Amino acid sequence: MGKILGFKEFGRQTHQYDAVEKRVKNYSEFLLPLSKEQVQDQGARCMECGTPFCHPNCPLNNLIPDWNDLVYKGRWEDALQSLWSTNNFPEFTGRICPAPCEAGCVLGIISPPVAIKSIEYSIIEEAWKNGFIKPVPPAKRSGKKVAVIGSGPSGLAAADQLNKAGHAVTVYERASRIGGLLRYGIPDFKLDKKVIDRRVKLMEDEGVKFVANANIGVNIPAKKILEESDAVVMACGATIPRDLPIPGRNLKGIRFAMEFLGQSNMRVAGDKIPAGDDITVKGKHVVVIGGGDTGSDCVGTSIRQGAASVTQIELLPKPPEGRTVETAWPVYPGPRMFSTSSSQAEGCARDWSILSKEFIDDGKGNVAGIKAVRLEWEGMKFKELPGTELTLKADAVFLAMGFLYTDPASIVKELGVELDQRGNVKTGADYQSSVKKVFSAGDCHTGQSLVVSAIAEGRECAREVDKFLSGGESLLPSRNRSFYTLK
């Protein structure tokens, strides 16, 4: 374990942030890393419990007590191998994962939990800094070809694992740059795109091929990809957003959150914005409908663009400040417990139990506000409260109410894969769809979820694809096995 009674000697310490007035002036990451010594102290707090609930709380089943102990002992390269044995991309999760592992930390019952996410971030960044990470192409190739459709977290994870197994992997991305949700859905101030680029470069050096501007089923026939491949992995994401079909929905200035975030990221990257479709909010009063992470990202982006005001509203009631019976340890409370994101802390008005009723027209076809009413919740049902009608000023409205399912057109339609009742790609336990040799992973398979869950999906799917290609056996790890051997 870490240091005996280290959890009593050291308090919890996590990465801090640049001051608000400094960080909102640009789109750079604003996280202030801990020193190596501080991280080792945090590793010393781990009790290496008999039953480490942090482990099953992580969708990847990360071997958290193991690498906490190795960090405490200063064995950083070994800590990397332990971390990497279950997580292909700790540089992503170390930045943007909500850390369900920490919710299950046994120390958290009586004290602030171990700073697992901060330790994870430090391990991978120390590894890049010290040259521990180098291309390791597979020693032997299988002669099998795999096409991965989508370069988000699940697609990248599946590609990385299948390449390790020796298959020739090509990743197809419909956008002009690789990264999917990581590239276009998450602002640069949370995930610098150079972090994606260096990982993609490593995968290329190990043999993975990437093809951008490849919208399979649109500008490249899906059946052609299927014919040329021994297996196809659909990792297309859940791309159909939840809409708000109330009066005035057709007014200008009302956009889906991902349209706004994706375009902002393109602008930061220096990419060309489509003519006549420039979504900017400088000097505007912004209302974000939806209280989750995507809504929060709209808040931070709007503030950096110079919005006059930003308001975020949520249909559901305000969650409790602490754990309840429903979110008792070791349950990950997620949105069921009140929290404030770094973007919300930058200057955002927040309100809950608000039902939007109508968008207001400024007389010229532009949105000027929202008519709404307050709600009273009784369990999972609500009723409108008479006399609580209100109007929110809004020159720009972003709909951030989640995603429903994958796009039923293009590749889904052309290949004829069966969908489940929720509109996701239906598969068996082996991740194979109704079409032979076509597999599915990530949000297009499960519906909208966390990045860490998408990585886990990609890894599990890759194992099943490898078994399919090799005739029933795979050396790729399940969620409870390690691919690497520690020194």
Protein backbone atom coordinates (compact mmCIF):
# COMPACT_ATOMS: atom_id res chain seq x y z
CA MET A 1 0.00 0.00 0.00
CA GLY A 2 0.99 3.66 0.10
CA LYS A 3 2.41 5.12 3.28
CA ILE A 4 0.92 3.50 6.36
CA LEU A 5 -1.48 6.05 7.86
CA GLY A 6 -0.57 8.40 5.02
CA PHE A 7 -4.25 9.31 4.76
CA LYS A 8 -3.97 10.80 8.26
CA GLU A 9 -0.71 12.62 7.58
CA PHE A 10 -1.64 14.22 4.25
CA GLY A 11 -4.80 16.09 3.30
CA ARG A 12 -6.41 15.89 -0.12
CA GLN A 13 -4.79 18.18 -2.66
CA THR A 14 -5.80 18.45 -6.31
CA HIS A 15 -4.73 20.49 -9.30
CA GLN A 16 -5.75 24.12 -9.05
CA TYR A 17 -6.81 26.56 -11.77
CA ASP A 18 -5.60 29.89 -13.11
CA ALA A 19 -7.59 32.85 -11.78
CA VAL A 20 -10.89 33.44 -13.58
CA GLU A 21 -9.95 36.90 -14.82
CA LYS A 22 -6.86 35.41 -16.48
CA ARG A 23 -8.23 32.23 -18.00
CA VAL A 24 -11.35 33.68 -19.64
CA LYS A 25 -9.15 35.81 -21.92
CA ASN A 26 -8.10 32.80 -24.00
CA TYR A 27 -8.89 29.19 -24.85
CA SER A 28 -5.78 27.66 -23.28
CA GLU A 29 -5.89 24.95 -20.64
CA PHE A 30 -5.80 26.60 -17.22
CA LEU A 31 -5.02 23.64 -14.97
CA LEU A 32 -2.07 24.15 -12.60
CA PRO A 33 -0.39 20.75 -12.05
CA LEU A 34 0.86 19.53 -8.70
CA SER A 35 4.58 18.98 -8.19
CA LYS A 36 5.92 15.42 -8.28
CA GLU A 37 6.37 15.53 -4.52
CA GLN A 38 2.78 16.66 -3.99
CA VAL A 39 1.50 13.88 -6.24
CA GLN A 40 3.54 11.31 -4.29
CA ASP A 41 1.96 12.60 -1.07
CA GLN A 42 -1.45 12.09 -2.64
CA GLY A 43 -0.48 8.55 -3.62
CA ALA A 44 0.53 7.99 0.00
CA ARG A 45 -3.08 8.65 1.06
CA CYS A 46 -4.30 5.48 -0.71
CA MET A 47 -5.12 2.77 1.84
CA GLU A 48 -5.07 -0.09 -0.72
CA CYS A 49 -8.33 -1.33 0.75
CA GLY A 50 -9.21 -5.01 0.95
CA THR A 51 -12.07 -4.21 -1.41
CA PRO A 52 -11.10 -1.11 -3.43
CA PHE A 53 -14.45 0.29 -4.58
CA CYS A 54 -12.63 2.82 -6.76
CA HIS A 55 -11.77 -0.09 -9.04
CA PRO A 56 -15.30 -1.25 -10.04
CA ASN A 57 -16.57 2.34 -9.97
CA CYS A 58 -14.32 3.02 -12.96
CA PRO A 59 -15.81 1.79 -16.27
CA LEU A 60 -12.28 0.77 -17.27
CA ASN A 61 -11.62 -1.08 -14.01
CA ASN A 62 -8.39 0.89 -13.63
CA LEU A 63 -5.91 -0.66 -11.19
CA ILE A 64 -5.97 2.47 -9.07
CA PRO A 65 -4.43 1.24 -5.78
CA ASP A 66 -1.54 -0.28 -7.75
CA TRP A 67 -0.49 2.91 -9.50
CA ASN A 68 -1.16 5.04 -6.44
CA ASP A 69 1.37 2.91 -4.56
CA LEU A 70 3.90 3.03 -7.40
CA VAL A 71 3.66 6.83 -7.56
CA TYR A 72 4.18 7.10 -3.80
CA LYS A 73 7.33 5.00 -4.19
CA GLY A 74 8.57 7.15 -7.07
CA ARG A 75 8.27 4.33 -9.63
CA TRP A 76 6.73 6.55 -12.30
CA GLU A 77 7.45 4.35 -15.31
CA ASP A 78 5.94 1.32 -13.59
CA ALA A 79 2.95 3.46 -12.62
CA LEU A 80 2.52 4.29 -16.30
CA GLN A 81 2.51 0.61 -17.28
CA SER A 82 -0.10 -0.16 -14.63
CA LEU A 83 -2.27 2.77 -15.72
CA TRP A 84 -1.84 1.97 -19.40
CA SER A 85 -2.76 -1.67 -18.90
CA THR A 86 -6.44 -0.70 -18.65
CA ASN A 87 -6.67 2.80 -20.13
CA ASN A 88 -5.42 3.66 -23.61
CA PHE A 89 -5.82 7.41 -23.14
CA PRO A 90 -5.22 8.59 -19.57
CA GLU A 91 -4.30 12.02 -20.91
CA PHE A 92 -7.96 12.40 -21.95
CA THR A 93 -9.59 10.97 -18.83
CA GLY A 94 -7.10 12.73 -16.57
CA ARG A 95 -8.47 16.01 -17.92
CA ILE A 96 -12.17 15.49 -18.59
CA CYS A 97 -13.40 12.44 -16.68
CA PRO A 98 -15.79 13.26 -13.79
CA ALA A 99 -13.89 10.67 -11.73
CA PRO A 100 -16.56 8.16 -10.62
CA CYS A 101 -13.63 6.28 -9.08
CA GLU A 102 -13.24 8.97 -6.42
CA ALA A 103 -16.90 8.58 -5.46
CA GLY A 104 -16.11 4.98 -4.51
CA CYS A 105 -12.92 5.68 -2.57
CA VAL A 106 -13.21 3.98 0.84
CA LEU A 107 -11.33 6.86 2.45
CA GLY A 108 -14.17 9.07 1.22
CA ILE A 109 -16.47 7.58 3.86
CA ILE A 110 -14.68 9.48 6.62
CA SER A 111 -12.44 11.97 4.83
CA PRO A 112 -11.95 13.62 1.42
CA PRO A 113 -11.17 10.83 -1.09
CA VAL A 114 -7.80 10.18 -2.69
CA ALA A 115 -7.10 12.61 -5.55
CA ILE A 116 -7.17 9.81 -8.13
CA LYS A 117 -7.81 11.97 -11.17
CA SER A 118 -4.93 14.32 -10.35
CA ILE A 119 -2.59 11.35 -9.89
CA GLU A 120 -3.69 9.86 -13.22
CA TYR A 121 -3.05 13.15 -15.02
CA SER A 122 0.39 13.44 -13.43
CA ILE A 123 1.43 9.89 -14.35
CA ILE A 124 0.72 10.30 -18.05
CA GLU A 125 2.17 13.82 -18.29
CA GLU A 126 5.35 12.73 -16.48
CA ALA A 127 5.57 9.85 -18.93
CA TRP A 128 5.37 12.13 -21.98
CA LYS A 129 7.78 14.59 -20.38
CA ASN A 130 10.40 11.95 -19.59
CA GLY A 131 10.20 10.00 -22.84
CA PHE A 132 8.61 6.88 -21.35
CA ILE A 133 6.13 6.77 -24.21
CA LYS A 134 7.56 5.53 -27.49
CA PRO A 135 6.02 3.82 -30.52
CA VAL A 136 5.74 0.06 -30.08
CA PRO A 137 4.43 -1.44 -33.34
CA PRO A 138 3.18 -5.04 -33.11
CA ALA A 139 5.91 -7.61 -33.67
CA LYS A 140 3.71 -9.62 -36.03
CA ARG A 141 0.87 -8.73 -38.40
CA SER A 142 -2.20 -10.94 -38.78
CA GLY A 143 -2.97 -10.10 -42.39
CA LYS A 144 -6.49 -9.03 -41.39
CA LYS A 145 -7.93 -5.59 -42.20
CA VAL A 146 -10.24 -3.68 -39.86
CA ALA A 147 -12.09 -0.45 -40.63
CA VAL A 148 -13.08 1.73 -37.69
CA ILE A 149 -15.79 4.28 -38.49
CA GLY A 150 -15.41 7.27 -36.17
CA SER A 151 -12.38 8.69 -34.37
CA GLY A 152 -13.93 9.60 -31.04
CA PRO A 153 -12.81 7.93 -27.79
CA SER A 154 -14.43 4.56 -28.53
CA GLY A 155 -13.15 4.42 -32.12
CA LEU A 156 -9.62 5.39 -31.10
CA ALA A 157 -9.60 2.83 -28.28
CA ALA A 158 -10.83 0.05 -30.57
CA ALA A 159 -8.26 1.00 -33.21
CA ASP A 160 -5.41 1.11 -30.70
CA GLN A 161 -6.26 -2.31 -29.27
CA LEU A 162 -6.79 -3.98 -32.64
CA ASN A 163 -3.50 -2.59 -33.90
CA LYS A 164 -1.78 -4.02 -30.83
CA ALA A 165 -3.27 -7.37 -31.80
CA GLY A 166 -1.51 -7.12 -35.14
CA HIS A 167 -4.39 -6.24 -37.44
CA ALA A 168 -4.14 -3.56 -40.14
CA VAL A 169 -6.43 -0.81 -38.85
CA THR A 170 -7.78 2.18 -40.76
CA VAL A 171 -9.82 4.83 -38.93
CA TYR A 172 -12.30 6.88 -40.98
CA GLU A 173 -13.47 10.29 -39.72
CA ARG A 174 -16.18 12.38 -41.41
CA ALA A 175 -14.70 15.69 -40.18
CA SER A 176 -11.52 17.32 -41.44
CA ARG A 177 -9.54 16.49 -38.30
CA ILE A 178 -9.22 13.35 -36.19
CA GLY A 179 -10.74 13.18 -32.72
CA GLY A 180 -14.53 13.12 -33.03
CA LEU A 181 -16.18 14.29 -29.82
CA LEU A 182 -12.78 14.98 -28.28
CA ARG A 183 -11.92 17.34 -31.13
CA TYR A 184 -15.22 19.08 -31.77
CA GLY A 185 -17.31 18.63 -28.63
CA ILE A 186 -14.90 19.57 -25.85
CA PRO A 187 -13.48 23.12 -25.68
CA ASP A 188 -9.74 23.64 -25.94
CA PHE A 189 -9.61 25.14 -22.46
CA LYS A 190 -10.59 21.70 -21.10
CA LEU A 191 -8.67 19.58 -23.60
CA ASP A 192 -5.92 21.17 -25.67
CA LYS A 193 -6.09 19.62 -29.12
CA LYS A 194 -2.31 19.16 -29.13
CA VAL A 195 -2.97 16.40 -26.59
CA ILE A 196 -5.06 14.58 -29.22
CA ASP A 197 -2.50 15.24 -31.95
CA ARG A 198 0.41 13.70 -30.06
CA ARG A 199 -1.62 10.57 -29.31
CA VAL A 200 -2.77 10.23 -32.92
CA LYS A 201 0.85 10.66 -34.04
CA LEU A 202 1.90 7.85 -31.70
CA MET A 203 -0.83 5.58 -33.09
CA GLU A 204 0.29 6.42 -36.65
CA ASP A 205 3.87 5.56 -35.74
CA GLU A 206 2.59 2.22 -34.46
CA GLY A 207 0.81 1.50 -37.74
CA VAL A 208 -2.74 2.84 -37.51
CA LYS A 209 -3.93 4.69 -40.61
CA PHE A 210 -6.27 7.69 -40.37
CA VAL A 211 -8.50 9.04 -43.15
CA ALA A 212 -10.24 12.38 -42.56
CA ASN A 213 -13.10 13.88 -44.61
CA ALA A 214 -14.43 10.33 -44.99
CA ASN A 215 -18.17 10.34 -44.33
CA ILE A 216 -18.92 6.66 -44.78
CA GLY A 217 -22.28 6.19 -46.41
CA VAL A 218 -22.14 9.68 -47.91
CA ASN A 219 -18.96 10.37 -49.86
CA ILE A 220 -17.55 6.85 -49.46
CA PRO A 221 -19.87 3.84 -49.93
CA ALA A 222 -20.25 1.82 -46.74
CA LYS A 223 -20.54 -1.41 -48.70
CA LYS A 224 -17.18 -0.72 -50.34
CA ILE A 225 -15.57 -0.41 -46.90
CA LEU A 226 -17.30 -3.63 -45.82
CA GLU A 227 -16.11 -5.52 -48.89
CA GLU A 228 -12.50 -4.39 -48.42
CA SER A 229 -12.37 -5.20 -44.69
CA ASP A 230 -12.37 -8.38 -42.63
CA ALA A 231 -14.27 -6.51 -39.90
CA VAL A 232 -15.87 -3.09 -39.46
CA VAL A 233 -16.31 -1.26 -36.16
CA MET A 234 -19.04 1.37 -36.08
CA ALA A 235 -18.06 4.01 -33.51
CA CYS A 236 -20.11 6.83 -34.98
CA GLY A 237 -21.38 8.37 -31.75
CA ALA A 238 -24.86 9.46 -30.69
CA THR A 239 -25.20 12.43 -33.00
CA ILE A 240 -28.93 13.22 -32.95
CA PRO A 241 -29.52 15.91 -30.28
CA ARG A 242 -32.67 16.26 -28.23
CA ASP A 243 -34.73 19.13 -29.63
CA LEU A 244 -37.18 21.55 -28.01
CA PRO A 245 -40.20 21.80 -30.34
CA ILE A 246 -42.00 24.77 -28.79
CA PRO A 247 -43.42 27.85 -30.56
CA GLY A 248 -40.68 30.00 -32.08
CA ARG A 249 -38.19 27.16 -32.45
CA ASN A 250 -37.47 28.25 -36.04
CA LEU A 251 -36.19 31.68 -35.00
CA LYS A 252 -32.60 32.63 -35.85
CA GLY A 253 -30.18 32.47 -32.96
CA ILE A 254 -31.44 29.14 -31.56
CA ARG A 255 -28.84 26.41 -32.13
CA PHE A 256 -27.87 23.02 -30.84
CA ALA A 257 -24.98 23.10 -28.39
CA MET A 258 -22.69 20.95 -30.54
CA GLU A 259 -23.09 23.30 -33.49
CA PHE A 260 -21.81 26.13 -31.33
CA LEU A 261 -19.03 24.16 -29.63
CA GLY A 262 -17.84 22.47 -32.82
CA GLN A 263 -17.63 25.75 -34.69
CA SER A 264 -15.83 27.45 -31.82
CA ASN A 265 -13.22 24.70 -31.79
CA MET A 266 -12.81 25.03 -35.55
CA ARG A 267 -12.25 28.76 -35.14
CA VAL A 268 -9.62 28.21 -32.44
CA ALA A 269 -7.88 25.70 -34.70
CA GLY A 270 -7.83 28.22 -37.55
CA ASP A 271 -10.22 26.23 -39.73
CA LYS A 272 -12.53 27.94 -42.22
CA ILE A 273 -16.07 28.57 -40.98
CA PRO A 274 -18.89 27.98 -43.50
CA ALA A 275 -19.93 31.27 -45.09
CA GLY A 276 -23.07 32.79 -43.60
CA ASP A 277 -23.10 30.45 -40.60
CA ASP A 278 -20.85 32.18 -38.11
CA ILE A 279 -22.13 31.41 -34.59
CA THR A 280 -20.68 33.98 -32.20
CA VAL A 281 -22.16 35.60 -29.09
CA LYS A 282 -20.04 38.68 -28.40
CA GLY A 283 -22.24 41.30 -26.72
CA LYS A 284 -25.25 38.97 -26.67
CA HIS A 285 -27.42 37.70 -23.84
CA VAL A 286 -27.01 33.91 -23.91
CA VAL A 287 -29.36 31.32 -22.45
CA VAL A 288 -28.19 27.71 -22.30
CA ILE A 289 -30.99 25.18 -21.88
CA GLY A 290 -29.62 22.08 -20.17
CA GLY A 291 -27.56 21.78 -17.00
CA GLY A 292 -25.05 19.08 -17.92
CA ASP A 293 -21.43 19.11 -19.08
CA THR A 294 -22.27 20.14 -22.63
CA GLY A 295 -24.29 23.07 -21.32
CA SER A 296 -21.39 23.99 -19.04
CA ASP A 297 -19.04 23.97 -22.03
CA CYS A 298 -21.40 26.37 -23.82
CA VAL A 299 -21.18 28.63 -20.76
CA GLY A 300 -17.38 28.74 -20.73
CA THR A 301 -17.19 29.25 -24.49
CA SER A 302 -19.79 32.06 -24.41
CA ILE A 303 -17.89 33.86 -21.66
CA ARG A 304 -14.66 33.67 -23.69
CA GLN A 305 -16.44 35.05 -26.73
CA GLY A 306 -17.53 38.10 -24.74
CA ALA A 307 -21.23 37.45 -24.10
CA ALA A 308 -23.07 40.26 -22.30
CA SER A 309 -24.60 37.71 -19.93
CA VAL A 310 -24.90 33.93 -19.65
CA THR A 311 -27.79 32.10 -18.01
CA GLN A 312 -28.08 28.33 -17.72
CA ILE A 313 -31.48 26.80 -16.99
CA GLU A 314 -32.46 23.23 -16.17
CA LEU A 315 -35.81 21.44 -16.28
CA LEU A 316 -34.97 19.25 -13.27
CA PRO A 317 -34.90 20.53 -9.68
CA LYS A 318 -31.70 21.73 -8.06
CA PRO A 319 -29.86 18.67 -6.71
CA PRO A 320 -28.94 18.39 -3.02
CA GLU A 321 -25.59 19.72 -1.81
CA GLY A 322 -24.42 16.35 -0.47
CA ARG A 323 -25.13 12.65 -0.75
CA THR A 324 -28.61 11.28 -0.11
CA VAL A 325 -29.96 7.77 0.41
CA GLU A 326 -30.07 7.39 -3.38
CA THR A 327 -26.44 8.50 -3.79
CA ALA A 328 -24.94 6.97 -0.65
CA TRP A 329 -21.33 5.77 -0.86
CA PRO A 330 -20.01 4.13 -3.03
CA VAL A 331 -22.53 5.25 -5.67
CA TYR A 332 -21.29 7.82 -8.18
CA PRO A 333 -23.82 10.65 -7.68
CA GLY A 334 -23.14 12.46 -10.96
CA PRO A 335 -25.78 15.12 -11.66
CA ARG A 336 -27.82 13.95 -8.68
CA MET A 337 -25.56 15.95 -6.36
CA PHE A 338 -24.98 19.69 -6.72
CA SER A 339 -21.67 20.78 -8.18
CA THR A 340 -20.21 23.83 -9.89
CA SER A 341 -18.05 23.37 -12.96
CA SER A 342 -15.04 25.56 -13.70
CA SER A 343 -17.04 27.26 -16.48
CA GLN A 344 -20.03 27.95 -14.25
CA ALA A 345 -17.66 29.46 -11.69
CA GLU A 346 -16.52 31.99 -14.30
CA GLY A 347 -19.74 33.98 -14.15
CA CYS A 348 -23.02 32.30 -14.96
CA ALA A 349 -26.54 32.68 -13.59
CA ARG A 350 -28.11 29.27 -12.94
CA ASP A 351 -31.72 28.30 -12.35
CA TRP A 352 -33.59 25.03 -11.93
CA SER A 353 -37.14 23.69 -12.35
CA ILE A 354 -37.66 25.93 -15.37
CA LEU A 355 -39.90 24.87 -18.26
CA SER A 356 -39.41 26.76 -21.52
CA LYS A 357 -42.79 27.49 -23.14
CA GLU A 358 -42.10 29.75 -26.12
CA PHE A 359 -39.30 31.56 -27.91
CA ILE A 360 -39.93 35.28 -28.43
CA ASP A 361 -39.58 36.86 -31.89
CA ASP A 362 -37.91 40.29 -32.10
CA GLY A 363 -40.12 41.06 -35.08
CA LYS A 364 -37.37 40.31 -37.58
CA GLY A 365 -37.20 36.55 -37.23
CA ASN A 366 -34.53 36.56 -34.51
CA VAL A 367 -34.88 35.19 -31.01
CA ALA A 368 -35.22 37.90 -28.36
CA GLY A 369 -36.16 35.90 -25.29
CA ILE A 370 -37.84 32.87 -23.75
CA LYS A 371 -41.20 32.65 -22.04
CA ALA A 372 -40.97 30.12 -19.22
CA VAL A 373 -42.65 28.95 -16.03
CA ARG A 374 -41.42 27.48 -12.76
CA LEU A 375 -42.19 23.89 -11.86
CA GLU A 376 -42.97 21.89 -8.77
CA TRP A 377 -41.60 18.36 -8.84
CA GLU A 378 -43.26 15.37 -7.18
CA GLY A 379 -41.02 12.37 -7.71
CA MET A 380 -40.50 12.03 -11.46
CA LYS A 381 -43.54 14.15 -12.32
CA PHE A 382 -43.90 17.92 -12.35
CA LYS A 383 -46.62 20.52 -12.53
CA GLU A 384 -46.48 24.15 -13.55
CA LEU A 385 -46.79 26.68 -10.72
CA PRO A 386 -49.45 29.30 -11.50
CA GLY A 387 -48.24 32.88 -11.23
CA THR A 388 -44.57 31.98 -11.71
CA GLU A 389 -44.34 32.85 -15.40
CA LEU A 390 -41.12 34.62 -16.34
CA THR A 391 -39.34 35.97 -19.40
CA LEU A 392 -35.63 35.49 -20.02
CA LYS A 393 -33.82 37.91 -22.31
CA ALA A 394 -31.95 35.94 -24.96
CA ASP A 395 -30.23 36.99 -28.19
CA ALA A 396 -28.71 33.50 -28.47
CA VAL A 397 -30.07 30.18 -27.20
CA PHE A 398 -28.16 26.91 -27.09
CA LEU A 399 -29.98 23.61 -26.68
CA ALA A 400 -27.84 21.29 -24.54
CA MET A 401 -30.36 18.67 -23.48
CA GLY A 402 -28.42 15.57 -24.42
CA PHE A 403 -28.37 13.21 -27.38
CA LEU A 404 -30.93 10.61 -28.40
CA TYR A 405 -29.24 8.06 -30.67
CA THR A 406 -26.97 7.59 -33.64
CA ASP A 407 -27.85 8.99 -37.07
CA PRO A 408 -30.20 6.45 -38.74
CA ALA A 409 -29.12 7.66 -42.18
CA SER A 410 -25.83 7.19 -44.08
CA ILE A 411 -23.88 4.13 -42.88
CA VAL A 412 -26.70 2.71 -40.74
CA LYS A 413 -29.14 2.84 -43.61
CA GLU A 414 -26.73 1.61 -46.28
CA LEU A 415 -25.52 -1.41 -44.32
CA GLY A 416 -28.98 -2.15 -42.96
CA VAL A 417 -27.86 -2.77 -39.38
CA GLU A 418 -30.70 -3.35 -36.93
CA LEU A 419 -31.40 -0.69 -34.30
CA ASP A 420 -32.81 -1.24 -30.83
CA GLN A 421 -35.89 0.47 -29.37
CA ARG A 422 -33.83 3.52 -28.39
CA GLY A 423 -32.34 3.94 -31.86
CA ASN A 424 -28.89 2.59 -31.02
CA VAL A 425 -27.10 -0.11 -33.02
CA LYS A 426 -28.34 -3.44 -31.73
CA THR A 427 -25.70 -6.08 -31.01
CA GLY A 428 -25.23 -9.30 -29.14
CA ALA A 429 -22.88 -9.73 -26.20
CA ASP A 430 -20.08 -10.02 -28.74
CA TYR A 431 -20.68 -6.44 -29.99
CA GLN A 432 -21.54 -7.79 -33.45
CA SER A 433 -24.50 -6.19 -35.19
CA SER A 434 -27.19 -7.89 -37.26
CA VAL A 435 -24.82 -7.63 -40.24
CA LYS A 436 -22.00 -10.15 -40.20
CA LYS A 437 -18.53 -8.76 -39.44
CA VAL A 438 -19.98 -5.33 -38.53
CA PHE A 439 -19.46 -4.45 -34.87
CA SER A 440 -20.49 -1.41 -32.82
CA ALA A 441 -19.05 0.41 -29.81
CA GLY A 442 -19.43 3.63 -27.87
CA ASP A 443 -22.33 6.04 -27.91
CA CYS A 444 -23.84 4.67 -31.13
CA HIS A 445 -24.10 1.34 -29.29
CA THR A 446 -25.05 2.40 -25.75
CA GLY A 447 -26.42 5.89 -26.20
CA GLN A 448 -24.84 9.04 -24.77
CA SER A 449 -22.32 8.31 -22.02
CA LEU A 450 -18.99 9.36 -20.52
CA VAL A 451 -15.69 9.47 -22.41
CA VAL A 452 -14.27 6.88 -20.00
CA SER A 453 -17.20 4.58 -20.77
CA ALA A 454 -16.64 5.03 -24.49
CA ILE A 455 -12.99 4.01 -24.12
CA ALA A 456 -14.09 0.92 -22.18
CA GLU A 457 -16.59 0.11 -24.93
CA GLY A 458 -13.93 0.43 -27.60
CA ARG A 459 -11.59 -1.90 -25.73
CA GLU A 460 -14.25 -4.55 -25.13
CA CYS A 461 -15.43 -4.38 -28.72
CA ALA A 462 -11.84 -4.74 -29.98
CA ARG A 463 -11.45 -7.93 -27.96
CA GLU A 464 -14.57 -9.40 -29.56
CA VAL A 465 -13.42 -8.36 -33.05
CA ASP A 466 -10.05 -9.98 -32.41
CA LYS A 467 -11.76 -13.20 -31.32
CA PHE A 468 -13.88 -13.09 -34.48
CA LEU A 469 -10.83 -12.61 -36.70
CA SER A 470 -8.64 -15.18 -34.95
CA GLY A 471 -11.27 -17.88 -34.66
CA GLY A 472 -12.24 -17.64 -31.01
CA GLU A 473 -9.17 -16.64 -28.98
CA SER A 474 -7.77 -13.22 -28.12
CA LEU A 475 -4.75 -12.01 -26.19
CA LEU A 476 -6.34 -8.60 -25.78
CA PRO A 477 -7.36 -7.96 -22.18
CA SER A 478 -10.84 -8.09 -20.78
CA ARG A 479 -11.67 -5.46 -18.17
CA ASN A 480 -10.04 -7.60 -15.49
CA ARG A 481 -6.83 -8.54 -17.27
CA SER A 482 -3.64 -6.65 -18.04
CA PHE A 483 -2.09 -6.42 -21.50
CA TYR A 484 1.25 -5.28 -20.17
CA THR A 485 3.61 -6.90 -17.68
CA LEU A 486 5.24 -4.68 -15.08
CA LYS A 487 9.00 -4.61 -14.88
